[in-house]
Amino acid sequence: MLTPGELAANLNQLVYTLLLVGHVKSDPDWYRPPGLTRHHSLWLVVKGRGTFTINGTHYPAEPGKIFFFVPGMTVERRTDPLEPVEYYFLRFDYAESHPGKEGWSLKTSAERPFPLQGMYTISDTPKLIYLLEQLLALKNKRGPITGMRRRIMLQELMLTVVLDFRSQLITGDTTSAIERTQDYMSWHYQEPLTLEQLAQMAGLSVSHYSRLFRKYSGYSPIDYLTNLRMDRAKELLVLSGYRLKSIANSVGYADEFYFSRIFKKIEGVSPREYAKQHRVDLGHTATPPPSGPKPPI
């Protein structure tokens, strides 16, 4: 399975549309024989017990289990007659649509496998139930505003799943420690921060900190810091007429040529080329950029 950070990056490249949503309390003799799945769907079990069989493998259908079915799966579903299963379900479709170095990437769901498939465990089921109930409330409404709400809520539901997976990996003080170092980097990215400093700030060994940080964010700590710097540099390149050396210094690089190499590695073009492509004419003379942000008092 992908890490929560990798999963979030993957899901964030998708645009969703809701096809169907429902809430079912099954009868004691409820049974669906093996058949090929034709649509992408999500099933959240909230009560009772049963067995869902996916491609010949049996999985417990019980509270806290969430299932992602994709086209082409052979699925069989059966309830326990003494504890009939109760579940929410939604059917959806999606397309990949996101900007990249070579321009926008556009793919259909048939071309882009969905990153979640099979059974997973959810630790905070009520959050998902709330979102599914909200989607149910919009079920019979129409119009472009309702359509936008459904799409946003479906995106939020996917995010809630990712956050739940993340909380199962990292809990309590460790989560706070990772977030503290992220906040520190966002305010001090222009300083010569080291991995050892950040790990010490989190109260963890370098190897443990690096491993947990990657699980939490999808990036290594240094890659996270580098991307923060590049994001700020892109703002300055687009919104200002500052010299390249000044921009490099303001985001933590004393050597403008090293800064340029890192920038091109991440963005695919040089800083000057990026500025030409995205420059905004502000119509005034620029003053040197500040040395970096200061934390709020």
C-alpha atoms as a PDB file:
ATOM      1  CA  MET A   1       0.000   0.000   0.000  1.00  0.00           C
ATOM      2  CA  LEU A   2       1.140   3.567  -0.703  1.00  0.00           C
ATOM      3  CA  THR A   3       2.095   5.783   2.235  1.00  0.00           C
ATOM      4  CA  PRO A   4      -0.536   8.396   3.191  1.00  0.00           C
ATOM      5  CA  GLY A   5       1.581  11.114   1.603  1.00  0.00           C
ATOM      6  CA  GLU A   6       1.965   9.185  -1.645  1.00  0.00           C
ATOM      7  CA  LEU A   7      -1.720   8.306  -1.608  1.00  0.00           C
ATOM      8  CA  ALA A   8      -2.717  11.951  -1.109  1.00  0.00           C
ATOM      9  CA  ALA A   9      -0.467  13.021  -3.999  1.00  0.00           C
ATOM     10  CA  ASN A  10      -2.047  10.344  -6.188  1.00  0.00           C
ATOM     11  CA  LEU A  11      -5.660  11.143  -5.282  1.00  0.00           C
ATOM     12  CA  ASN A  12      -5.026  14.878  -5.600  1.00  0.00           C
ATOM     13  CA  GLN A  13      -4.399  14.424  -9.315  1.00  0.00           C
ATOM     14  CA  LEU A  14      -7.954  13.169  -9.842  1.00  0.00           C
ATOM     15  CA  VAL A  15     -11.238  14.957 -10.532  1.00  0.00           C
ATOM     16  CA  TYR A  16     -14.292  13.068  -9.275  1.00  0.00           C
ATOM     17  CA  THR A  17     -17.942  12.791 -10.189  1.00  0.00           C
ATOM     18  CA  LEU A  18     -20.583  11.110  -8.026  1.00  0.00           C
ATOM     19  CA  LEU A  19     -22.874   8.653  -9.802  1.00  0.00           C
ATOM     20  CA  LEU A  20     -24.862   7.061  -6.966  1.00  0.00           C
ATOM     21  CA  VAL A  21     -25.018   7.086  -3.162  1.00  0.00           C
ATOM     22  CA  GLY A  22     -27.080   5.037  -0.709  1.00  0.00           C
ATOM     23  CA  HIS A  23     -27.539   3.579   2.760  1.00  0.00           C
ATOM     24  CA  VAL A  24     -28.661  -0.059   3.068  1.00  0.00           C
ATOM     25  CA  LYS A  25     -29.817  -2.202   6.003  1.00  0.00           C
ATOM     26  CA  SER A  26     -29.678  -5.704   4.602  1.00  0.00           C
ATOM     27  CA  ASP A  27     -32.122  -8.545   5.283  1.00  0.00           C
ATOM     28  CA  PRO A  28     -30.924 -11.688   7.154  1.00  0.00           C
ATOM     29  CA  ASP A  29     -30.804 -13.647   3.881  1.00  0.00           C
ATOM     30  CA  TRP A  30     -28.995 -10.926   1.891  1.00  0.00           C
ATOM     31  CA  TYR A  31     -26.566 -12.382  -0.646  1.00  0.00           C
ATOM     32  CA  ARG A  32     -24.980 -11.227  -3.886  1.00  0.00           C
ATOM     33  CA  PRO A  33     -23.449 -14.040  -5.989  1.00  0.00           C
ATOM     34  CA  PRO A  34     -20.028 -13.652  -7.645  1.00  0.00           C
ATOM     35  CA  GLY A  35     -20.052 -11.129 -10.473  1.00  0.00           C
ATOM     36  CA  LEU A  36     -17.794  -8.710 -12.301  1.00  0.00           C
ATOM     37  CA  THR A  37     -17.774  -5.146 -10.986  1.00  0.00           C
ATOM     38  CA  ARG A  38     -18.503  -2.563 -13.674  1.00  0.00           C
ATOM     39  CA  HIS A  39     -18.038   0.674 -11.722  1.00  0.00           C
ATOM     40  CA  HIS A  40     -15.751   2.248  -9.143  1.00  0.00           C
ATOM     41  CA  SER A  41     -17.454   2.172  -5.765  1.00  0.00           C
ATOM     42  CA  LEU A  42     -16.839   2.616  -2.046  1.00  0.00           C
ATOM     43  CA  TRP A  43     -18.653   0.614   0.642  1.00  0.00           C
ATOM     44  CA  LEU A  44     -18.419   1.490   4.348  1.00  0.00           C
ATOM     45  CA  VAL A  45     -19.732  -1.127   6.788  1.00  0.00           C
ATOM     46  CA  VAL A  46     -21.255   0.460   9.913  1.00  0.00           C
ATOM     47  CA  LYS A  47     -23.185  -2.399  11.602  1.00  0.00           C
ATOM     48  CA  GLY A  48     -23.582  -6.169  11.525  1.00  0.00           C
ATOM     49  CA  ARG A  49     -21.267  -8.747   9.997  1.00  0.00           C
ATOM     50  CA  GLY A  50     -20.751 -10.498   6.726  1.00  0.00           C
ATOM     51  CA  THR A  51     -18.174 -11.667   4.226  1.00  0.00           C
ATOM     52  CA  PHE A  52     -17.097  -9.930   1.034  1.00  0.00           C
ATOM     53  CA  THR A  53     -15.059 -12.080  -1.355  1.00  0.00           C
ATOM     54  CA  ILE A  54     -12.838 -10.232  -3.838  1.00  0.00           C
ATOM     55  CA  ASN A  55     -11.157 -12.238  -6.598  1.00  0.00           C
ATOM     56  CA  GLY A  56     -11.415 -15.382  -4.466  1.00  0.00           C
ATOM     57  CA  THR A  57     -10.094 -13.863  -1.212  1.00  0.00           C
ATOM     58  CA  HIS A  58     -12.491 -13.606   1.763  1.00  0.00           C
ATOM     59  CA  TYR A  59     -12.637 -10.391   3.809  1.00  0.00           C
ATOM     60  CA  PRO A  60     -14.655  -9.650   6.971  1.00  0.00           C
ATOM     61  CA  ALA A  61     -17.421  -7.119   6.376  1.00  0.00           C
ATOM     62  CA  GLU A  62     -17.793  -5.566   9.819  1.00  0.00           C
ATOM     63  CA  PRO A  63     -17.918  -2.076  11.377  1.00  0.00           C
ATOM     64  CA  GLY A  64     -14.828  -0.058  10.570  1.00  0.00           C
ATOM     65  CA  LYS A  65     -14.114  -1.810   7.272  1.00  0.00           C
ATOM     66  CA  ILE A  66     -14.129   0.158   4.045  1.00  0.00           C
ATOM     67  CA  PHE A  67     -14.037  -1.477   0.618  1.00  0.00           C
ATOM     68  CA  PHE A  68     -12.969   0.018  -2.696  1.00  0.00           C
ATOM     69  CA  PHE A  69     -14.223  -1.920  -5.712  1.00  0.00           C
ATOM     70  CA  VAL A  70     -12.904  -1.257  -9.220  1.00  0.00           C
ATOM     71  CA  PRO A  71     -14.092  -2.455 -12.640  1.00  0.00           C
ATOM     72  CA  GLY A  72     -13.037  -6.013 -13.442  1.00  0.00           C
ATOM     73  CA  MET A  73     -13.059  -7.313  -9.851  1.00  0.00           C
ATOM     74  CA  THR A  74     -15.025 -10.492  -9.174  1.00  0.00           C
ATOM     75  CA  VAL A  75     -17.010  -9.777  -6.013  1.00  0.00           C
ATOM     76  CA  GLU A  76     -19.322 -11.904  -3.865  1.00  0.00           C
ATOM     77  CA  ARG A  77     -21.165 -10.476  -0.843  1.00  0.00           C
ATOM     78  CA  ARG A  78     -22.960 -12.275   1.994  1.00  0.00           C
ATOM     79  CA  THR A  79     -24.351 -11.217   5.375  1.00  0.00           C
ATOM     80  CA  ASP A  80     -24.392 -13.030   8.709  1.00  0.00           C
ATOM     81  CA  PRO A  81     -28.104 -13.909   9.178  1.00  0.00           C
ATOM     82  CA  LEU A  82     -27.870 -13.229  12.931  1.00  0.00           C
ATOM     83  CA  GLU A  83     -26.260  -9.798  12.463  1.00  0.00           C
ATOM     84  CA  PRO A  84     -27.370  -8.411   9.082  1.00  0.00           C
ATOM     85  CA  VAL A  85     -24.822  -6.056   7.621  1.00  0.00           C
ATOM     86  CA  GLU A  86     -25.577  -2.334   7.303  1.00  0.00           C
ATOM     87  CA  TYR A  87     -23.516  -0.182   4.982  1.00  0.00           C
ATOM     88  CA  TYR A  88     -23.191   3.056   3.041  1.00  0.00           C
ATOM     89  CA  PHE A  89     -22.103   2.930  -0.565  1.00  0.00           C
ATOM     90  CA  LEU A  90     -21.281   5.339  -3.317  1.00  0.00           C
ATOM     91  CA  ARG A  91     -20.506   4.835  -6.975  1.00  0.00           C
ATOM     92  CA  PHE A  92     -18.185   7.309  -8.649  1.00  0.00           C
ATOM     93  CA  ASP A  93     -16.054   7.980 -11.677  1.00  0.00           C
ATOM     94  CA  TYR A  94     -12.955  10.114 -12.073  1.00  0.00           C
ATOM     95  CA  ALA A  95     -10.400  11.449 -14.511  1.00  0.00           C
ATOM     96  CA  GLU A  96      -6.779  12.447 -14.059  1.00  0.00           C
ATOM     97  CA  SER A  97      -6.346  16.182 -14.579  1.00  0.00           C
ATOM     98  CA  HIS A  98      -3.314  18.010 -13.220  1.00  0.00           C
ATOM     99  CA  PRO A  99      -0.487  20.261 -14.437  1.00  0.00           C
ATOM    100  CA  GLY A 100       3.010  18.833 -14.910  1.00  0.00           C
ATOM    101  CA  LYS A 101       6.353  19.840 -16.363  1.00  0.00           C
ATOM    102  CA  GLU A 102       5.179  18.927 -19.869  1.00  0.00           C
ATOM    103  CA  GLY A 103       1.769  20.600 -19.515  1.00  0.00           C
ATOM    104  CA  TRP A 104      -1.577  19.247 -18.320  1.00  0.00           C
ATOM    105  CA  SER A 105      -2.021  15.501 -17.924  1.00  0.00           C
ATOM    106  CA  LEU A 106      -5.466  14.252 -18.936  1.00  0.00           C
ATOM    107  CA  LYS A 107      -6.500  10.594 -18.593  1.00  0.00           C
ATOM    108  CA  THR A 108      -9.770   8.734 -18.143  1.00  0.00           C
ATOM    109  CA  SER A 109     -10.409   6.287 -15.301  1.00  0.00           C
ATOM    110  CA  ALA A 110      -9.869   3.463 -17.792  1.00  0.00           C
ATOM    111  CA  GLU A 111      -6.317   4.738 -18.348  1.00  0.00           C
ATOM    112  CA  ARG A 112      -5.539   5.579 -14.719  1.00  0.00           C
ATOM    113  CA  PRO A 113      -5.938   2.786 -12.093  1.00  0.00           C
ATOM    114  CA  PHE A 114      -7.496   3.916  -8.843  1.00  0.00           C
ATOM    115  CA  PRO A 115      -4.908   3.806  -6.017  1.00  0.00           C
ATOM    116  CA  LEU A 116      -7.279   2.256  -3.454  1.00  0.00           C
ATOM    117  CA  GLN A 117      -8.500  -1.285  -4.124  1.00  0.00           C
ATOM    118  CA  GLY A 118      -9.828  -3.926  -1.740  1.00  0.00           C
ATOM    119  CA  MET A 119     -10.461  -3.756   2.019  1.00  0.00           C
ATOM    120  CA  TYR A 120      -9.047  -1.248   4.529  1.00  0.00           C
ATOM    121  CA  THR A 121      -9.645  -0.505   8.204  1.00  0.00           C
ATOM    122  CA  ILE A 122     -10.926   2.906   9.307  1.00  0.00           C
ATOM    123  CA  SER A 123     -10.363   4.096  12.886  1.00  0.00           C
ATOM    124  CA  ASP A 124     -12.793   7.047  12.889  1.00  0.00           C
ATOM    125  CA  THR A 125     -15.915   5.802  11.118  1.00  0.00           C
ATOM    126  CA  PRO A 126     -18.221   8.650  12.318  1.00  0.00           C
ATOM    127  CA  LYS A 127     -16.347  11.213  10.202  1.00  0.00           C
ATOM    128  CA  LEU A 128     -17.011   9.211   7.070  1.00  0.00           C
ATOM    129  CA  ILE A 129     -20.624   8.567   8.054  1.00  0.00           C
ATOM    130  CA  TYR A 130     -21.155  12.320   8.424  1.00  0.00           C
ATOM    131  CA  LEU A 131     -19.836  13.006   4.923  1.00  0.00           C
ATOM    132  CA  LEU A 132     -21.853  10.164   3.421  1.00  0.00           C
ATOM    133  CA  GLU A 133     -25.003  11.475   5.128  1.00  0.00           C
ATOM    134  CA  GLN A 134     -24.285  14.902   3.654  1.00  0.00           C
ATOM    135  CA  LEU A 135     -23.992  13.370   0.201  1.00  0.00           C
ATOM    136  CA  LEU A 136     -27.248  11.511   0.772  1.00  0.00           C
ATOM    137  CA  ALA A 137     -28.940  14.815   1.655  1.00  0.00           C
ATOM    138  CA  LEU A 138     -27.918  16.155  -1.765  1.00  0.00           C
ATOM    139  CA  LYS A 139     -29.012  13.001  -3.550  1.00  0.00           C
ATOM    140  CA  ASN A 140     -32.231  14.358  -5.059  1.00  0.00           C
ATOM    141  CA  LYS A 141     -31.110  17.955  -5.587  1.00  0.00           C
ATOM    142  CA  ARG A 142     -30.036  19.319  -8.937  1.00  0.00           C
ATOM    143  CA  GLY A 143     -28.192  22.320 -10.333  1.00  0.00           C
ATOM    144  CA  PRO A 144     -24.574  23.457 -10.828  1.00  0.00           C
ATOM    145  CA  ILE A 145     -24.090  24.617  -7.215  1.00  0.00           C
ATOM    146  CA  THR A 146     -25.284  21.249  -5.884  1.00  0.00           C
ATOM    147  CA  GLY A 147     -22.974  19.541  -8.372  1.00  0.00           C
ATOM    148  CA  MET A 148     -20.011  21.526  -7.061  1.00  0.00           C
ATOM    149  CA  ARG A 149     -20.925  20.640  -3.471  1.00  0.00           C
ATOM    150  CA  ARG A 150     -21.099  16.946  -4.307  1.00  0.00           C
ATOM    151  CA  ARG A 151     -17.718  17.056  -6.035  1.00  0.00           C
ATOM    152  CA  ILE A 152     -16.092  18.934  -3.134  1.00  0.00           C
ATOM    153  CA  MET A 153     -17.580  16.574  -0.555  1.00  0.00           C
ATOM    154  CA  LEU A 154     -16.399  13.529  -2.480  1.00  0.00           C
ATOM    155  CA  GLN A 155     -12.899  15.026  -2.528  1.00  0.00           C
ATOM    156  CA  GLU A 156     -13.187  15.694   1.214  1.00  0.00           C
ATOM    157  CA  LEU A 157     -14.274  12.100   1.792  1.00  0.00           C
ATOM    158  CA  MET A 158     -11.134  10.832   0.013  1.00  0.00           C
ATOM    159  CA  LEU A 159      -9.019  13.214   2.095  1.00  0.00           C
ATOM    160  CA  THR A 160     -10.669  11.934   5.288  1.00  0.00           C
ATOM    161  CA  VAL A 161      -9.710   8.379   4.350  1.00  0.00           C
ATOM    162  CA  VAL A 162      -6.088   9.438   3.782  1.00  0.00           C
ATOM    163  CA  LEU A 163      -5.957  11.343   7.084  1.00  0.00           C
ATOM    164  CA  ASP A 164      -7.382   8.313   8.896  1.00  0.00           C
ATOM    165  CA  PHE A 165      -4.662   6.093   7.419  1.00  0.00           C
ATOM    166  CA  ARG A 166      -2.063   8.643   8.483  1.00  0.00           C
ATOM    167  CA  SER A 167      -3.370   8.829  12.050  1.00  0.00           C
ATOM    168  CA  GLN A 168      -3.087   5.052  12.305  1.00  0.00           C
ATOM    169  CA  LEU A 169       0.603   5.278  11.392  1.00  0.00           C
ATOM    170  CA  ILE A 170       1.525   8.256  13.517  1.00  0.00           C
ATOM    171  CA  THR A 171      -0.273   9.135  16.724  1.00  0.00           C
ATOM    172  CA  GLY A 172      -0.072  11.472  19.676  1.00  0.00           C
ATOM    173  CA  ASP A 173       3.067  13.473  20.398  1.00  0.00           C
ATOM    174  CA  THR A 174       4.932  12.163  17.366  1.00  0.00           C
ATOM    175  CA  THR A 175       2.374  13.728  15.032  1.00  0.00           C
ATOM    176  CA  SER A 176       2.674  17.056  16.850  1.00  0.00           C
ATOM    177  CA  ALA A 177       6.459  16.870  16.681  1.00  0.00           C
ATOM    178  CA  ILE A 178       6.439  16.364  12.914  1.00  0.00           C
ATOM    179  CA  GLU A 179       3.952  19.207  12.459  1.00  0.00           C
ATOM    180  CA  ARG A 180       6.085  21.504  14.635  1.00  0.00           C
ATOM    181  CA  THR A 181       9.107  20.970  12.423  1.00  0.00           C
ATOM    182  CA  GLN A 182       6.989  21.597   9.324  1.00  0.00           C
ATOM    183  CA  ASP A 183       5.791  24.874  10.829  1.00  0.00           C
ATOM    184  CA  TYR A 184       9.358  25.793  11.735  1.00  0.00           C
ATOM    185  CA  MET A 185      10.538  25.129   8.174  1.00  0.00           C
ATOM    186  CA  SER A 186       7.738  27.271   6.741  1.00  0.00           C
ATOM    187  CA  TRP A 187       8.965  30.257   8.783  1.00  0.00           C
ATOM    188  CA  HIS A 188      12.725  29.643   8.616  1.00  0.00           C
ATOM    189  CA  TYR A 189      13.228  28.105   5.158  1.00  0.00           C
ATOM    190  CA  GLN A 190      15.785  30.832   4.328  1.00  0.00           C
ATOM    191  CA  GLU A 191      18.087  29.587   7.120  1.00  0.00           C
ATOM    192  CA  PRO A 192      20.707  26.798   6.721  1.00  0.00           C
ATOM    193  CA  LEU A 193      18.584  24.092   8.353  1.00  0.00           C
ATOM    194  CA  THR A 194      19.983  20.566   8.688  1.00  0.00           C
ATOM    195  CA  LEU A 195      18.338  17.193   9.100  1.00  0.00           C
ATOM    196  CA  GLU A 196      20.054  16.816  12.476  1.00  0.00           C
ATOM    197  CA  GLN A 197      18.561  20.112  13.710  1.00  0.00           C
ATOM    198  CA  LEU A 198      15.051  19.141  12.659  1.00  0.00           C
ATOM    199  CA  ALA A 199      15.296  15.660  14.211  1.00  0.00           C
ATOM    200  CA  GLN A 200      16.552  17.164  17.460  1.00  0.00           C
ATOM    201  CA  MET A 201      13.658  19.613  17.449  1.00  0.00           C
ATOM    202  CA  ALA A 202      11.240  16.682  17.109  1.00  0.00           C
ATOM    203  CA  GLY A 203      13.009  14.743  19.865  1.00  0.00           C
ATOM    204  CA  LEU A 204      13.725  11.797  17.554  1.00  0.00           C
ATOM    205  CA  SER A 205      16.747  10.116  16.035  1.00  0.00           C
ATOM    206  CA  VAL A 206      17.616  11.217  12.507  1.00  0.00           C
ATOM    207  CA  SER A 207      16.606   7.883  10.969  1.00  0.00           C
ATOM    208  CA  HIS A 208      13.331   7.632  12.933  1.00  0.00           C
ATOM    209  CA  TYR A 209      12.450  11.261  12.202  1.00  0.00           C
ATOM    210  CA  SER A 210      13.161  10.864   8.481  1.00  0.00           C
ATOM    211  CA  ARG A 211      11.073   7.686   8.276  1.00  0.00           C
ATOM    212  CA  LEU A 212       8.079   9.176  10.118  1.00  0.00           C
ATOM    213  CA  PHE A 213       8.279  12.468   8.244  1.00  0.00           C
ATOM    214  CA  ARG A 214       8.079  10.631   4.910  1.00  0.00           C
ATOM    215  CA  LYS A 215       5.087   8.569   6.103  1.00  0.00           C
ATOM    216  CA  TYR A 216       3.388  11.737   7.312  1.00  0.00           C
ATOM    217  CA  SER A 217       4.024  13.997   4.298  1.00  0.00           C
ATOM    218  CA  GLY A 218       5.197  11.854   1.392  1.00  0.00           C
ATOM    219  CA  TYR A 219       8.508  13.757   1.290  1.00  0.00           C
ATOM    220  CA  SER A 220      11.847  13.428   3.024  1.00  0.00           C
ATOM    221  CA  PRO A 221      12.474  16.396   5.392  1.00  0.00           C
ATOM    222  CA  ILE A 222      15.098  17.911   3.078  1.00  0.00           C
ATOM    223  CA  ASP A 223      12.928  17.478  -0.026  1.00  0.00           C
ATOM    224  CA  TYR A 224      10.055  19.125   1.863  1.00  0.00           C
ATOM    225  CA  LEU A 225      12.308  22.078   2.772  1.00  0.00           C
ATOM    226  CA  THR A 226      13.632  22.332  -0.788  1.00  0.00           C
ATOM    227  CA  ASN A 227      10.113  22.445  -2.215  1.00  0.00           C
ATOM    228  CA  LEU A 228       9.134  25.169   0.272  1.00  0.00           C
ATOM    229  CA  ARG A 229      12.089  27.199  -0.963  1.00  0.00           C
ATOM    230  CA  MET A 230      11.261  26.605  -4.605  1.00  0.00           C
ATOM    231  CA  ASP A 231       7.610  27.589  -4.081  1.00  0.00           C
ATOM    232  CA  ARG A 232       8.719  30.898  -2.558  1.00  0.00           C
ATOM    233  CA  ALA A 233      11.255  31.395  -5.344  1.00  0.00           C
ATOM    234  CA  LYS A 234       8.531  30.861  -7.968  1.00  0.00           C
ATOM    235  CA  GLU A 235       6.429  33.586  -6.344  1.00  0.00           C
ATOM    236  CA  LEU A 236       9.355  36.014  -6.464  1.00  0.00           C
ATOM    237  CA  LEU A 237      10.225  35.103 -10.057  1.00  0.00           C
ATOM    238  CA  VAL A 238       6.635  35.678 -11.208  1.00  0.00           C
ATOM    239  CA  LEU A 239       5.622  38.650  -9.076  1.00  0.00           C
ATOM    240  CA  SER A 240       8.829  40.675  -8.967  1.00  0.00           C
ATOM    241  CA  GLY A 241      11.759  41.958 -10.957  1.00  0.00           C
ATOM    242  CA  TYR A 242      14.343  40.919  -8.381  1.00  0.00           C
ATOM    243  CA  ARG A 243      17.735  39.744  -9.584  1.00  0.00           C
ATOM    244  CA  LEU A 244      18.334  36.007  -9.500  1.00  0.00           C
ATOM    245  CA  LYS A 245      21.074  36.302  -6.878  1.00  0.00           C
ATOM    246  CA  SER A 246      18.724  38.220  -4.555  1.00  0.00           C
ATOM    247  CA  ILE A 247      15.992  35.627  -4.978  1.00  0.00           C
ATOM    248  CA  ALA A 248      18.434  32.779  -4.326  1.00  0.00           C
ATOM    249  CA  ASN A 249      19.688  34.479  -1.146  1.00  0.00           C
ATOM    250  CA  SER A 250      16.176  35.197   0.089  1.00  0.00           C
ATOM    251  CA  VAL A 251      15.190  31.509  -0.050  1.00  0.00           C
ATOM    252  CA  GLY A 252      18.323  30.140   1.578  1.00  0.00           C
ATOM    253  CA  TYR A 253      20.896  29.696  -1.204  1.00  0.00           C
ATOM    254  CA  ALA A 254      24.164  31.662  -1.126  1.00  0.00           C
ATOM    255  CA  ASP A 255      25.157  30.249  -4.517  1.00  0.00           C
ATOM    256  CA  GLU A 256      22.786  31.339  -7.275  1.00  0.00           C
ATOM    257  CA  PHE A 257      24.173  28.704  -9.681  1.00  0.00           C
ATOM    258  CA  TYR A 258      23.450  25.873  -7.219  1.00  0.00           C
ATOM    259  CA  PHE A 259      19.991  27.370  -6.692  1.00  0.00           C
ATOM    260  CA  SER A 260      19.439  27.360 -10.464  1.00  0.00           C
ATOM    261  CA  ARG A 261      20.451  23.686 -10.740  1.00  0.00           C
ATOM    262  CA  ILE A 262      18.059  22.664  -7.955  1.00  0.00           C
ATOM    263  CA  PHE A 263      15.264  24.776  -9.437  1.00  0.00           C
ATOM    264  CA  LYS A 264      15.643  23.213 -12.888  1.00  0.00           C
ATOM    265  CA  LYS A 265      15.774  19.717 -11.396  1.00  0.00           C
ATOM    266  CA  ILE A 266      12.417  20.254  -9.682  1.00  0.00           C
ATOM    267  CA  GLU A 267      10.591  22.457 -12.206  1.00  0.00           C
ATOM    268  CA  GLY A 268      12.106  21.199 -15.447  1.00  0.00           C
ATOM    269  CA  VAL A 269      13.128  24.707 -16.590  1.00  0.00           C
ATOM    270  CA  SER A 270      15.661  27.274 -15.395  1.00  0.00           C
ATOM    271  CA  PRO A 271      14.538  30.106 -13.078  1.00  0.00           C
ATOM    272  CA  ARG A 272      14.934  32.644 -15.897  1.00  0.00           C
ATOM    273  CA  GLU A 273      12.879  30.522 -18.288  1.00  0.00           C
ATOM    274  CA  TYR A 274      10.219  30.035 -15.600  1.00  0.00           C
ATOM    275  CA  ALA A 275      10.079  33.814 -15.084  1.00  0.00           C
ATOM    276  CA  LYS A 276       9.647  34.410 -18.836  1.00  0.00           C
ATOM    277  CA  GLN A 277       6.785  31.909 -18.980  1.00  0.00           C
ATOM    278  CA  HIS A 278       4.910  33.189 -15.928  1.00  0.00           C
ATOM    279  CA  ARG A 279       6.057  36.778 -15.284  1.00  0.00           C
ATOM    280  CA  VAL A 280       3.405  39.248 -14.127  1.00  0.00           C
ATOM    281  CA  ASP A 281       4.043  42.878 -15.088  1.00  0.00           C
ATOM    282  CA  LEU A 282       3.566  44.815 -11.872  1.00  0.00           C
ATOM    283  CA  GLY A 283       4.317  48.175 -13.464  1.00  0.00           C
ATOM    284  CA  HIS A 284       6.675  49.436 -10.742  1.00  0.00           C
ATOM    285  CA  THR A 285      10.329  49.329  -9.772  1.00  0.00           C
ATOM    286  CA  ALA A 286      11.188  46.414  -7.522  1.00  0.00           C
ATOM    287  CA  THR A 287      12.970  46.704  -4.208  1.00  0.00           C
ATOM    288  CA  PRO A 288      15.212  43.918  -2.894  1.00  0.00           C
ATOM    289  CA  PRO A 289      13.289  40.938  -1.488  1.00  0.00           C
ATOM    290  CA  PRO A 290      13.120  40.455   2.276  1.00  0.00           C
ATOM    291  CA  SER A 291      15.495  37.981   3.838  1.00  0.00           C
ATOM    292  CA  GLY A 292      12.593  35.690   4.711  1.00  0.00           C
ATOM    293  CA  PRO A 293       9.382  35.523   6.757  1.00  0.00           C
ATOM    294  CA  LYS A 294       9.309  36.000  10.493  1.00  0.00           C
ATOM    295  CA  PRO A 295       7.058  33.934  12.735  1.00  0.00           C
ATOM    296  CA  PRO A 296       3.983  35.689  14.087  1.00  0.00           C
ATOM    297  CA  ILE A 297       4.291  37.150  17.586  1.00  0.00           C
END
